[in-house]
Amino acid sequence: FKSIQNPSRGSKAVLDLFFAKTDACVVSKNIFLTMSELNP
């Protein structure tokens, strides 16, 4: 990878991806499903 970012929370990694600040992220499936329920 060109750049690796390590936010303190998985939710921050997902939001950065959502707003195109990164190209990909790795989080637990539970984090992704919870955030998807809060914001479809």
PDB file of all heavy atoms in Angstrom:
ATOM      1  N   PHE A   1       0.836  -1.203   0.000  1.00  0.00           N
ATOM      2  CA  PHE A   1       0.000   0.000   0.000  1.00  0.00           C
ATOM      3  C   PHE A   1       0.872   1.256   0.000  1.00  0.00           C
ATOM      4  O   PHE A   1       1.972   1.266   0.557  1.00  0.00           O
ATOM      5  CB  PHE A   1      -0.922   0.008   1.220  1.00  0.00           C
ATOM      6  CG  PHE A   1      -1.911  -1.119   1.235  1.00  0.00           C
ATOM      7  CD1 PHE A   1      -1.706  -2.233   2.058  1.00  0.00           C
ATOM      8  CD2 PHE A   1      -3.032  -1.083   0.427  1.00  0.00           C
ATOM      9  CE1 PHE A   1      -2.614  -3.272   2.067  1.00  0.00           C
ATOM     10  CE2 PHE A   1      -3.952  -2.127   0.437  1.00  0.00           C
ATOM     11  CZ  PHE A   1      -3.736  -3.220   1.250  1.00  0.00           C
ATOM     12  N   LYS A   2       0.370   2.316  -0.625  1.00  0.00           N
ATOM     13  CA  LYS A   2       1.097   3.583  -0.665  1.00  0.00           C
ATOM     14  C   LYS A   2       1.104   4.246   0.706  1.00  0.00           C
ATOM     15  O   LYS A   2       2.125   4.805   1.145  1.00  0.00           O
ATOM     16  CB  LYS A   2       0.456   4.521  -1.684  1.00  0.00           C
ATOM     17  CG  LYS A   2       1.101   5.897  -1.761  1.00  0.00           C
ATOM     18  CD  LYS A   2       0.370   6.786  -2.758  1.00  0.00           C
ATOM     19  CE  LYS A   2       0.999   8.180  -2.808  1.00  0.00           C
ATOM     20  NZ  LYS A   2       0.281   9.067  -3.773  1.00  0.00           N
ATOM     21  N   SER A   3      -0.027   4.190   1.396  1.00  0.00           N
ATOM     22  CA  SER A   3      -0.161   4.840   2.694  1.00  0.00           C
ATOM     23  C   SER A   3      -1.039   3.995   3.599  1.00  0.00           C
ATOM     24  O   SER A   3      -2.030   3.401   3.142  1.00  0.00           O
ATOM     25  CB  SER A   3      -0.767   6.237   2.520  1.00  0.00           C
ATOM     26  OG  SER A   3      -1.007   6.846   3.774  1.00  0.00           O
ATOM     27  N   ILE A   4      -0.677   3.933   4.886  1.00  0.00           N
ATOM     28  CA  ILE A   4      -1.444   3.168   5.872  1.00  0.00           C
ATOM     29  C   ILE A   4      -1.796   4.088   7.027  1.00  0.00           C
ATOM     30  O   ILE A   4      -0.917   4.679   7.655  1.00  0.00           O
ATOM     31  CB  ILE A   4      -0.630   1.972   6.402  1.00  0.00           C
ATOM     32  CG1 ILE A   4      -0.227   1.060   5.243  1.00  0.00           C
ATOM     33  CG2 ILE A   4      -1.430   1.200   7.448  1.00  0.00           C
ATOM     34  CD1 ILE A   4       0.826   0.050   5.609  1.00  0.00           C
ATOM     35  N   GLN A   5      -3.078   4.227   7.296  1.00  0.00           N
ATOM     36  CA  GLN A   5      -3.545   5.084   8.377  1.00  0.00           C
ATOM     37  C   GLN A   5      -4.139   4.236   9.487  1.00  0.00           C
ATOM     38  O   GLN A   5      -4.803   3.229   9.221  1.00  0.00           O
ATOM     39  CB  GLN A   5      -4.577   6.089   7.860  1.00  0.00           C
ATOM     40  CG  GLN A   5      -4.032   7.014   6.782  1.00  0.00           C
ATOM     41  CD  GLN A   5      -5.076   7.986   6.263  1.00  0.00           C
ATOM     42  OE1 GLN A   5      -6.142   8.144   6.857  1.00  0.00           O
ATOM     43  NE2 GLN A   5      -4.778   8.637   5.146  1.00  0.00           N
ATOM     44  N   ASN A   6      -3.925   4.652  10.727  1.00  0.00           N
ATOM     45  CA  ASN A   6      -4.398   3.880  11.881  1.00  0.00           C
ATOM     46  C   ASN A   6      -5.184   4.754  12.854  1.00  0.00           C
ATOM     47  O   ASN A   6      -4.662   5.180  13.884  1.00  0.00           O
ATOM     48  CB  ASN A   6      -3.221   3.227  12.602  1.00  0.00           C
ATOM     49  CG  ASN A   6      -2.442   2.264  11.743  1.00  0.00           C
ATOM     50  OD1 ASN A   6      -1.246   2.420  11.543  1.00  0.00           O
ATOM     51  ND2 ASN A   6      -3.113   1.260  11.208  1.00  0.00           N
ATOM     52  N   PRO A   7      -6.460   5.022  12.546  1.00  0.00           N
ATOM     53  CA  PRO A   7      -7.290   5.771  13.495  1.00  0.00           C
ATOM     54  C   PRO A   7      -7.512   4.952  14.753  1.00  0.00           C
ATOM     55  O   PRO A   7      -7.308   3.726  14.769  1.00  0.00           O
ATOM     56  CB  PRO A   7      -8.598   5.977  12.718  1.00  0.00           C
ATOM     57  CG  PRO A   7      -8.631   4.853  11.742  1.00  0.00           C
ATOM     58  CD  PRO A   7      -7.214   4.613  11.339  1.00  0.00           C
ATOM     59  N   SER A   8      -7.948   5.611  15.808  1.00  0.00           N
ATOM     60  CA  SER A   8      -8.139   4.926  17.089  1.00  0.00           C
ATOM     61  C   SER A   8      -9.400   4.066  17.109  1.00  0.00           C
ATOM     62  O   SER A   8      -9.512   3.141  17.914  1.00  0.00           O
ATOM     63  CB  SER A   8      -8.200   5.949  18.230  1.00  0.00           C
ATOM     64  OG  SER A   8      -9.270   6.866  18.015  1.00  0.00           O
ATOM     65  N   ARG A   9     -10.352   4.360  16.223  1.00  0.00           N
ATOM     66  CA  ARG A   9     -11.631   3.634  16.217  1.00  0.00           C
ATOM     67  C   ARG A   9     -11.951   3.107  14.815  1.00  0.00           C
ATOM     68  O   ARG A   9     -11.644   3.761  13.804  1.00  0.00           O
ATOM     69  CB  ARG A   9     -12.779   4.525  16.691  1.00  0.00           C
ATOM     70  CG  ARG A   9     -12.579   5.116  18.067  1.00  0.00           C
ATOM     71  CD  ARG A   9     -13.806   5.905  18.512  1.00  0.00           C
ATOM     72  NE  ARG A   9     -14.241   6.872  17.508  1.00  0.00           N
ATOM     73  CZ  ARG A   9     -13.707   8.076  17.341  1.00  0.00           C
ATOM     74  NH1 ARG A   9     -12.699   8.462  18.112  1.00  0.00           N
ATOM     75  NH2 ARG A   9     -14.165   8.887  16.420  1.00  0.00           N
ATOM     76  N   GLY A  10     -12.618   1.961  14.773  1.00  0.00           N
ATOM     77  CA  GLY A  10     -13.030   1.394  13.499  1.00  0.00           C
ATOM     78  C   GLY A  10     -14.043   2.274  12.787  1.00  0.00           C
ATOM     79  O   GLY A  10     -14.048   2.360  11.555  1.00  0.00           O
ATOM     80  N   SER A  11     -14.906   2.934  13.551  1.00  0.00           N
ATOM     81  CA  SER A  11     -15.921   3.806  12.945  1.00  0.00           C
ATOM     82  C   SER A  11     -15.265   4.954  12.172  1.00  0.00           C
ATOM     83  O   SER A  11     -15.748   5.364  11.113  1.00  0.00           O
ATOM     84  CB  SER A  11     -16.851   4.367  14.015  1.00  0.00           C
ATOM     85  OG  SER A  11     -16.120   5.059  15.019  1.00  0.00           O
ATOM     86  N   LYS A  12     -14.138   5.458  12.680  1.00  0.00           N
ATOM     87  CA  LYS A  12     -13.411   6.534  11.997  1.00  0.00           C
ATOM     88  C   LYS A  12     -12.847   6.028  10.671  1.00  0.00           C
ATOM     89  O   LYS A  12     -12.877   6.740   9.646  1.00  0.00           O
ATOM     90  CB  LYS A  12     -12.270   7.024  12.887  1.00  0.00           C
ATOM     91  CG  LYS A  12     -11.394   8.121  12.281  1.00  0.00           C
ATOM     92  CD  LYS A  12     -12.131   9.437  12.128  1.00  0.00           C
ATOM     93  CE  LYS A  12     -11.196  10.617  11.918  1.00  0.00           C
ATOM     94  NZ  LYS A  12     -10.256  10.479  10.793  1.00  0.00           N
ATOM     95  N   ALA A  13     -12.358   4.795  10.646  1.00  0.00           N
ATOM     96  CA  ALA A  13     -11.825   4.220   9.413  1.00  0.00           C
ATOM     97  C   ALA A  13     -12.910   4.094   8.350  1.00  0.00           C
ATOM     98  O   ALA A  13     -12.690   4.376   7.166  1.00  0.00           O
ATOM     99  CB  ALA A  13     -11.200   2.859   9.695  1.00  0.00           C
ATOM    100  N   VAL A  14     -14.123   3.690   8.762  1.00  0.00           N
ATOM    101  CA  VAL A  14     -15.234   3.547   7.822  1.00  0.00           C
ATOM    102  C   VAL A  14     -15.663   4.910   7.292  1.00  0.00           C
ATOM    103  O   VAL A  14     -15.916   5.079   6.084  1.00  0.00           O
ATOM    104  CB  VAL A  14     -16.422   2.829   8.494  1.00  0.00           C
ATOM    105  CG1 VAL A  14     -17.635   2.802   7.555  1.00  0.00           C
ATOM    106  CG2 VAL A  14     -16.037   1.406   8.879  1.00  0.00           C
ATOM    107  N   LEU A  15     -15.761   5.899   8.158  1.00  0.00           N
ATOM    108  CA  LEU A  15     -16.180   7.240   7.731  1.00  0.00           C
ATOM    109  C   LEU A  15     -15.153   7.871   6.797  1.00  0.00           C
ATOM    110  O   LEU A  15     -15.529   8.541   5.813  1.00  0.00           O
ATOM    111  CB  LEU A  15     -16.418   8.129   8.950  1.00  0.00           C
ATOM    112  CG  LEU A  15     -17.653   7.799   9.785  1.00  0.00           C
ATOM    113  CD1 LEU A  15     -17.712   8.694  11.018  1.00  0.00           C
ATOM    114  CD2 LEU A  15     -18.928   7.959   8.949  1.00  0.00           C
ATOM    115  N   ASP A  16     -13.878   7.690   7.057  1.00  0.00           N
ATOM    116  CA  ASP A  16     -12.846   8.225   6.166  1.00  0.00           C
ATOM    117  C   ASP A  16     -12.952   7.601   4.779  1.00  0.00           C
ATOM    118  O   ASP A  16     -12.764   8.280   3.762  1.00  0.00           O
ATOM    119  CB  ASP A  16     -11.457   7.958   6.748  1.00  0.00           C
ATOM    120  CG  ASP A  16     -11.122   8.898   7.895  1.00  0.00           C
ATOM    121  OD1 ASP A  16     -11.873   9.880   8.097  1.00  0.00           O
ATOM    122  OD2 ASP A  16     -10.115   8.652   8.597  1.00  0.00           O
ATOM    123  N   LEU A  17     -13.266   6.316   4.729  1.00  0.00           N
ATOM    124  CA  LEU A  17     -13.479   5.659   3.442  1.00  0.00           C
ATOM    125  C   LEU A  17     -14.724   6.213   2.757  1.00  0.00           C
ATOM    126  O   LEU A  17     -14.713   6.502   1.554  1.00  0.00           O
ATOM    127  CB  LEU A  17     -13.619   4.145   3.645  1.00  0.00           C
ATOM    128  CG  LEU A  17     -13.993   3.326   2.404  1.00  0.00           C
ATOM    129  CD1 LEU A  17     -12.901   3.427   1.340  1.00  0.00           C
ATOM    130  CD2 LEU A  17     -14.232   1.865   2.780  1.00  0.00           C
ATOM    131  N   PHE A  18     -15.796   6.378   3.515  1.00  0.00           N
ATOM    132  CA  PHE A  18     -17.062   6.886   2.978  1.00  0.00           C
ATOM    133  C   PHE A  18     -16.883   8.267   2.337  1.00  0.00           C
ATOM    134  O   PHE A  18     -17.436   8.558   1.273  1.00  0.00           O
ATOM    135  CB  PHE A  18     -18.096   6.942   4.095  1.00  0.00           C
ATOM    136  CG  PHE A  18     -19.451   7.437   3.657  1.00  0.00           C
ATOM    137  CD1 PHE A  18     -20.283   6.634   2.896  1.00  0.00           C
ATOM    138  CD2 PHE A  18     -19.894   8.700   4.017  1.00  0.00           C
ATOM    139  CE1 PHE A  18     -21.537   7.088   2.485  1.00  0.00           C
ATOM    140  CE2 PHE A  18     -21.141   9.162   3.608  1.00  0.00           C
ATOM    141  CZ  PHE A  18     -21.961   8.353   2.853  1.00  0.00           C
ATOM    142  N   PHE A  19     -16.064   9.120   2.964  1.00  0.00           N
ATOM    143  CA  PHE A  19     -15.834  10.472   2.449  1.00  0.00           C
ATOM    144  C   PHE A  19     -14.591  10.554   1.557  1.00  0.00           C
ATOM    145  O   PHE A  19     -14.056  11.640   1.317  1.00  0.00           O
ATOM    146  CB  PHE A  19     -15.704  11.450   3.622  1.00  0.00           C
ATOM    147  CG  PHE A  19     -16.997  11.687   4.349  1.00  0.00           C
ATOM    148  CD1 PHE A  19     -17.175  11.216   5.654  1.00  0.00           C
ATOM    149  CD2 PHE A  19     -18.051  12.348   3.741  1.00  0.00           C
ATOM    150  CE1 PHE A  19     -18.376  11.423   6.322  1.00  0.00           C
ATOM    151  CE2 PHE A  19     -19.252  12.553   4.408  1.00  0.00           C
ATOM    152  CZ  PHE A  19     -19.416  12.091   5.704  1.00  0.00           C
ATOM    153  N   ALA A  20     -14.149   9.396   1.049  1.00  0.00           N
ATOM    154  CA  ALA A  20     -13.082   9.315   0.046  1.00  0.00           C
ATOM    155  C   ALA A  20     -11.729   9.843   0.534  1.00  0.00           C
ATOM    156  O   ALA A  20     -10.906  10.297  -0.263  1.00  0.00           O
ATOM    157  CB  ALA A  20     -13.491  10.030  -1.233  1.00  0.00           C
ATOM    158  N   LYS A  21     -11.493   9.769   1.838  1.00  0.00           N
ATOM    159  CA  LYS A  21     -10.184  10.163   2.359  1.00  0.00           C
ATOM    160  C   LYS A  21      -9.183   9.007   2.242  1.00  0.00           C
ATOM    161  O   LYS A  21      -7.977   9.226   2.324  1.00  0.00           O
ATOM    162  CB  LYS A  21     -10.308  10.599   3.819  1.00  0.00           C
ATOM    163  CG  LYS A  21     -11.133  11.873   4.016  1.00  0.00           C
ATOM    164  CD  LYS A  21     -11.205  12.254   5.491  1.00  0.00           C
ATOM    165  CE  LYS A  21     -12.008  13.532   5.688  1.00  0.00           C
ATOM    166  NZ  LYS A  21     -12.091  13.924   7.118  1.00  0.00           N
ATOM    167  N   THR A  22      -9.705   7.799   2.089  1.00  0.00           N
ATOM    168  CA  THR A  22      -8.874   6.613   1.878  1.00  0.00           C
ATOM    169  C   THR A  22      -9.499   5.771   0.779  1.00  0.00           C
ATOM    170  O   THR A  22     -10.644   5.999   0.367  1.00  0.00           O
ATOM    171  CB  THR A  22      -8.764   5.768   3.164  1.00  0.00           C
ATOM    172  OG1 THR A  22     -10.085   5.370   3.577  1.00  0.00           O
ATOM    173  CG2 THR A  22      -8.090   6.547   4.284  1.00  0.00           C
ATOM    174  N   ASP A  23      -8.753   4.787   0.305  1.00  0.00           N
ATOM    175  CA  ASP A  23      -9.250   3.913  -0.766  1.00  0.00           C
ATOM    176  C   ASP A  23      -9.862   2.623  -0.235  1.00  0.00           C
ATOM    177  O   ASP A  23     -10.659   1.980  -0.922  1.00  0.00           O
ATOM    178  CB  ASP A  23      -8.102   3.556  -1.720  1.00  0.00           C
ATOM    179  CG  ASP A  23      -7.513   4.779  -2.405  1.00  0.00           C
ATOM    180  OD1 ASP A  23      -8.277   5.513  -3.060  1.00  0.00           O
ATOM    181  OD2 ASP A  23      -6.289   5.002  -2.263  1.00  0.00           O
ATOM    182  N   ALA A  24      -9.484   2.230   0.970  1.00  0.00           N
ATOM    183  CA  ALA A  24      -9.997   0.982   1.545  1.00  0.00           C
ATOM    184  C   ALA A  24      -9.813   1.021   3.056  1.00  0.00           C
ATOM    185  O   ALA A  24      -9.059   1.848   3.587  1.00  0.00           O
ATOM    186  CB  ALA A  24      -9.262  -0.224   0.963  1.00  0.00           C
ATOM    187  N   CYS A  25     -10.497   0.140   3.751  1.00  0.00           N
ATOM    188  CA  CYS A  25     -10.300   0.020   5.198  1.00  0.00           C
ATOM    189  C   CYS A  25     -10.604  -1.403   5.644  1.00  0.00           C
ATOM    190  O   CYS A  25     -11.309  -2.148   4.945  1.00  0.00           O
ATOM    191  CB  CYS A  25     -11.155   1.024   5.972  1.00  0.00           C
ATOM    192  SG  CYS A  25     -12.916   0.624   6.071  1.00  0.00           S
ATOM    193  N   VAL A  26     -10.063  -1.783   6.784  1.00  0.00           N
ATOM    194  CA  VAL A  26     -10.331  -3.086   7.383  1.00  0.00           C
ATOM    195  C   VAL A  26     -10.896  -2.857   8.776  1.00  0.00           C
ATOM    196  O   VAL A  26     -10.288  -2.160   9.595  1.00  0.00           O
ATOM    197  CB  VAL A  26      -9.058  -3.944   7.490  1.00  0.00           C
ATOM    198  CG1 VAL A  26      -9.382  -5.287   8.153  1.00  0.00           C
ATOM    199  CG2 VAL A  26      -8.454  -4.184   6.115  1.00  0.00           C
ATOM    200  N   VAL A  27     -12.082  -3.402   9.031  1.00  0.00           N
ATOM    201  CA  VAL A  27     -12.716  -3.297  10.348  1.00  0.00           C
ATOM    202  C   VAL A  27     -13.426  -4.611  10.639  1.00  0.00           C
ATOM    203  O   VAL A  27     -13.517  -5.485   9.783  1.00  0.00           O
ATOM    204  CB  VAL A  27     -13.750  -2.135  10.405  1.00  0.00           C
ATOM    205  CG1 VAL A  27     -13.070  -0.790  10.247  1.00  0.00           C
ATOM    206  CG2 VAL A  27     -14.827  -2.315   9.344  1.00  0.00           C
ATOM    207  N   SER A  28     -13.928  -4.746  11.853  1.00  0.00           N
ATOM    208  CA  SER A  28     -14.718  -5.934  12.167  1.00  0.00           C
ATOM    209  C   SER A  28     -16.063  -5.838  11.456  1.00  0.00           C
ATOM    210  O   SER A  28     -16.578  -4.750  11.202  1.00  0.00           O
ATOM    211  CB  SER A  28     -14.926  -6.067  13.677  1.00  0.00           C
ATOM    212  OG  SER A  28     -15.825  -5.073  14.143  1.00  0.00           O
ATOM    213  N   LYS A  29     -16.615  -6.973  11.142  1.00  0.00           N
ATOM    214  CA  LYS A  29     -17.911  -7.006  10.454  1.00  0.00           C
ATOM    215  C   LYS A  29     -18.994  -6.350  11.296  1.00  0.00           C
ATOM    216  O   LYS A  29     -19.899  -5.681  10.771  1.00  0.00           O
ATOM    217  CB  LYS A  29     -18.292  -8.458  10.132  1.00  0.00           C
ATOM    218  CG  LYS A  29     -19.552  -8.595   9.292  1.00  0.00           C
ATOM    219  CD  LYS A  29     -19.803 -10.055   8.940  1.00  0.00           C
ATOM    220  CE  LYS A  29     -21.054 -10.200   8.072  1.00  0.00           C
ATOM    221  NZ  LYS A  29     -21.303 -11.630   7.730  1.00  0.00           N
ATOM    222  N   ASN A  30     -18.905  -6.516  12.623  1.00  0.00           N
ATOM    223  CA  ASN A  30     -19.904  -5.923  13.517  1.00  0.00           C
ATOM    224  C   ASN A  30     -19.907  -4.398  13.433  1.00  0.00           C
ATOM    225  O   ASN A  30     -20.966  -3.770  13.461  1.00  0.00           O
ATOM    226  CB  ASN A  30     -19.638  -6.361  14.961  1.00  0.00           C
ATOM    227  CG  ASN A  30     -20.025  -7.806  15.204  1.00  0.00           C
ATOM    228  OD1 ASN A  30     -20.760  -8.399  14.423  1.00  0.00           O
ATOM    229  ND2 ASN A  30     -19.516  -8.384  16.272  1.00  0.00           N
ATOM    230  N   ILE A  31     -18.699  -3.794  13.337  1.00  0.00           N
ATOM    231  CA  ILE A  31     -18.607  -2.341  13.206  1.00  0.00           C
ATOM    232  C   ILE A  31     -19.300  -1.886  11.927  1.00  0.00           C
ATOM    233  O   ILE A  31     -20.083  -0.924  11.915  1.00  0.00           O
ATOM    234  CB  ILE A  31     -17.130  -1.888  13.197  1.00  0.00           C
ATOM    235  CG1 ILE A  31     -16.526  -2.018  14.589  1.00  0.00           C
ATOM    236  CG2 ILE A  31     -16.991  -0.456  12.693  1.00  0.00           C
ATOM    237  CD1 ILE A  31     -17.044  -1.006  15.588  1.00  0.00           C
ATOM    238  N   PHE A  32     -19.011  -2.580  10.827  1.00  0.00           N
ATOM    239  CA  PHE A  32     -19.607  -2.215   9.541  1.00  0.00           C
ATOM    240  C   PHE A  32     -21.131  -2.346   9.563  1.00  0.00           C
ATOM    241  O   PHE A  32     -21.859  -1.460   9.106  1.00  0.00           O
ATOM    242  CB  PHE A  32     -19.023  -3.082   8.428  1.00  0.00           C
ATOM    243  CG  PHE A  32     -19.664  -2.867   7.087  1.00  0.00           C
ATOM    244  CD1 PHE A  32     -19.621  -1.621   6.466  1.00  0.00           C
ATOM    245  CD2 PHE A  32     -20.332  -3.901   6.451  1.00  0.00           C
ATOM    246  CE1 PHE A  32     -20.226  -1.412   5.235  1.00  0.00           C
ATOM    247  CE2 PHE A  32     -20.935  -3.709   5.214  1.00  0.00           C
ATOM    248  CZ  PHE A  32     -20.879  -2.471   4.611  1.00  0.00           C
ATOM    249  N   LEU A  33     -21.637  -3.440  10.119  1.00  0.00           N
ATOM    250  CA  LEU A  33     -23.089  -3.654  10.150  1.00  0.00           C
ATOM    251  C   LEU A  33     -23.783  -2.627  11.045  1.00  0.00           C
ATOM    252  O   LEU A  33     -24.861  -2.123  10.710  1.00  0.00           O
ATOM    253  CB  LEU A  33     -23.392  -5.073  10.640  1.00  0.00           C
ATOM    254  CG  LEU A  33     -22.968  -6.210   9.711  1.00  0.00           C
ATOM    255  CD1 LEU A  33     -23.271  -7.563  10.347  1.00  0.00           C
ATOM    256  CD2 LEU A  33     -23.661  -6.085   8.351  1.00  0.00           C
ATOM    257  N   THR A  34     -23.160  -2.303  12.179  1.00  0.00           N
ATOM    258  CA  THR A  34     -23.745  -1.307  13.085  1.00  0.00           C
ATOM    259  C   THR A  34     -23.821   0.057  12.424  1.00  0.00           C
ATOM    260  O   THR A  34     -24.854   0.739  12.485  1.00  0.00           O
ATOM    261  CB  THR A  34     -22.913  -1.199  14.378  1.00  0.00           C
ATOM    262  OG1 THR A  34     -22.920  -2.473  15.040  1.00  0.00           O
ATOM    263  CG2 THR A  34     -23.499  -0.147  15.309  1.00  0.00           C
ATOM    264  N   MET A  35     -22.742   0.468  11.755  1.00  0.00           N
ATOM    265  CA  MET A  35     -22.731   1.776  11.089  1.00  0.00           C
ATOM    266  C   MET A  35     -23.687   1.811   9.904  1.00  0.00           C
ATOM    267  O   MET A  35     -24.272   2.842   9.598  1.00  0.00           O
ATOM    268  CB  MET A  35     -21.307   2.109  10.643  1.00  0.00           C
ATOM    269  CG  MET A  35     -20.338   2.293  11.801  1.00  0.00           C
ATOM    270  SD  MET A  35     -18.757   2.966  11.285  1.00  0.00           S
ATOM    271  CE  MET A  35     -19.246   4.640  10.804  1.00  0.00           C
ATOM    272  N   SER A  36     -23.859   0.676   9.260  1.00  0.00           N
ATOM    273  CA  SER A  36     -24.805   0.601   8.132  1.00  0.00           C
ATOM    274  C   SER A  36     -26.242   0.762   8.601  1.00  0.00           C
ATOM    275  O   SER A  36     -27.074   1.352   7.915  1.00  0.00           O
ATOM    276  CB  SER A  36     -24.643  -0.741   7.405  1.00  0.00           C
ATOM    277  OG  SER A  36     -23.372  -0.840   6.820  1.00  0.00           O
ATOM    278  N   GLU A  37     -26.537   0.237   9.780  1.00  0.00           N
ATOM    279  CA  GLU A  37     -27.880   0.406  10.338  1.00  0.00           C
ATOM    280  C   GLU A  37     -28.147   1.852  10.731  1.00  0.00           C
ATOM    281  O   GLU A  37     -29.247   2.370  10.536  1.00  0.00           O
ATOM    282  CB  GLU A  37     -28.052  -0.509  11.555  1.00  0.00           C
ATOM    283  CG  GLU A  37     -28.109  -1.985  11.225  1.00  0.00           C
ATOM    284  CD  GLU A  37     -28.309  -2.858  12.442  1.00  0.00           C
ATOM    285  OE1 GLU A  37     -28.472  -2.269  13.544  1.00  0.00           O
ATOM    286  OE2 GLU A  37     -28.276  -4.085  12.325  1.00  0.00           O
ATOM    287  N   LEU A  38     -27.106   2.517  11.263  1.00  0.00           N
ATOM    288  CA  LEU A  38     -27.248   3.914  11.666  1.00  0.00           C
ATOM    289  C   LEU A  38     -27.306   4.830  10.444  1.00  0.00           C
ATOM    290  O   LEU A  38     -27.998   5.866  10.478  1.00  0.00           O
ATOM    291  CB  LEU A  38     -26.089   4.315  12.572  1.00  0.00           C
ATOM    292  CG  LEU A  38     -25.991   3.594  13.920  1.00  0.00           C
ATOM    293  CD1 LEU A  38     -24.726   3.987  14.656  1.00  0.00           C
ATOM    294  CD2 LEU A  38     -27.228   3.910  14.781  1.00  0.00           C
ATOM    295  N   ASN A  39     -26.598   4.469   9.401  1.00  0.00           N
ATOM    296  CA  ASN A  39     -26.577   5.281   8.179  1.00  0.00           C
ATOM    297  C   ASN A  39     -26.612   4.361   6.963  1.00  0.00           C
ATOM    298  O   ASN A  39     -25.570   3.884   6.500  1.00  0.00           O
ATOM    299  CB  ASN A  39     -25.327   6.157   8.146  1.00  0.00           C
ATOM    300  CG  ASN A  39     -25.318   7.098   6.947  1.00  0.00           C
ATOM    301  OD1 ASN A  39     -26.167   7.017   6.067  1.00  0.00           O
ATOM    302  ND2 ASN A  39     -24.338   7.982   6.903  1.00  0.00           N
ATOM    303  N   PRO A  40     -27.790   4.069   6.424  1.00  0.00           N
ATOM    304  CA  PRO A  40     -27.925   3.136   5.268  1.00  0.00           C
ATOM    305  C   PRO A  40     -27.081   3.525   4.071  1.00  0.00           C
ATOM    306  O   PRO A  40     -26.753   2.654   3.242  1.00  0.00           O
ATOM    307  CB  PRO A  40     -29.423   3.224   4.957  1.00  0.00           C
ATOM    308  CG  PRO A  40     -30.068   3.606   6.247  1.00  0.00           C
ATOM    309  CD  PRO A  40     -29.105   4.547   6.886  1.00  0.00           C
TER     310      PRO A  40
END
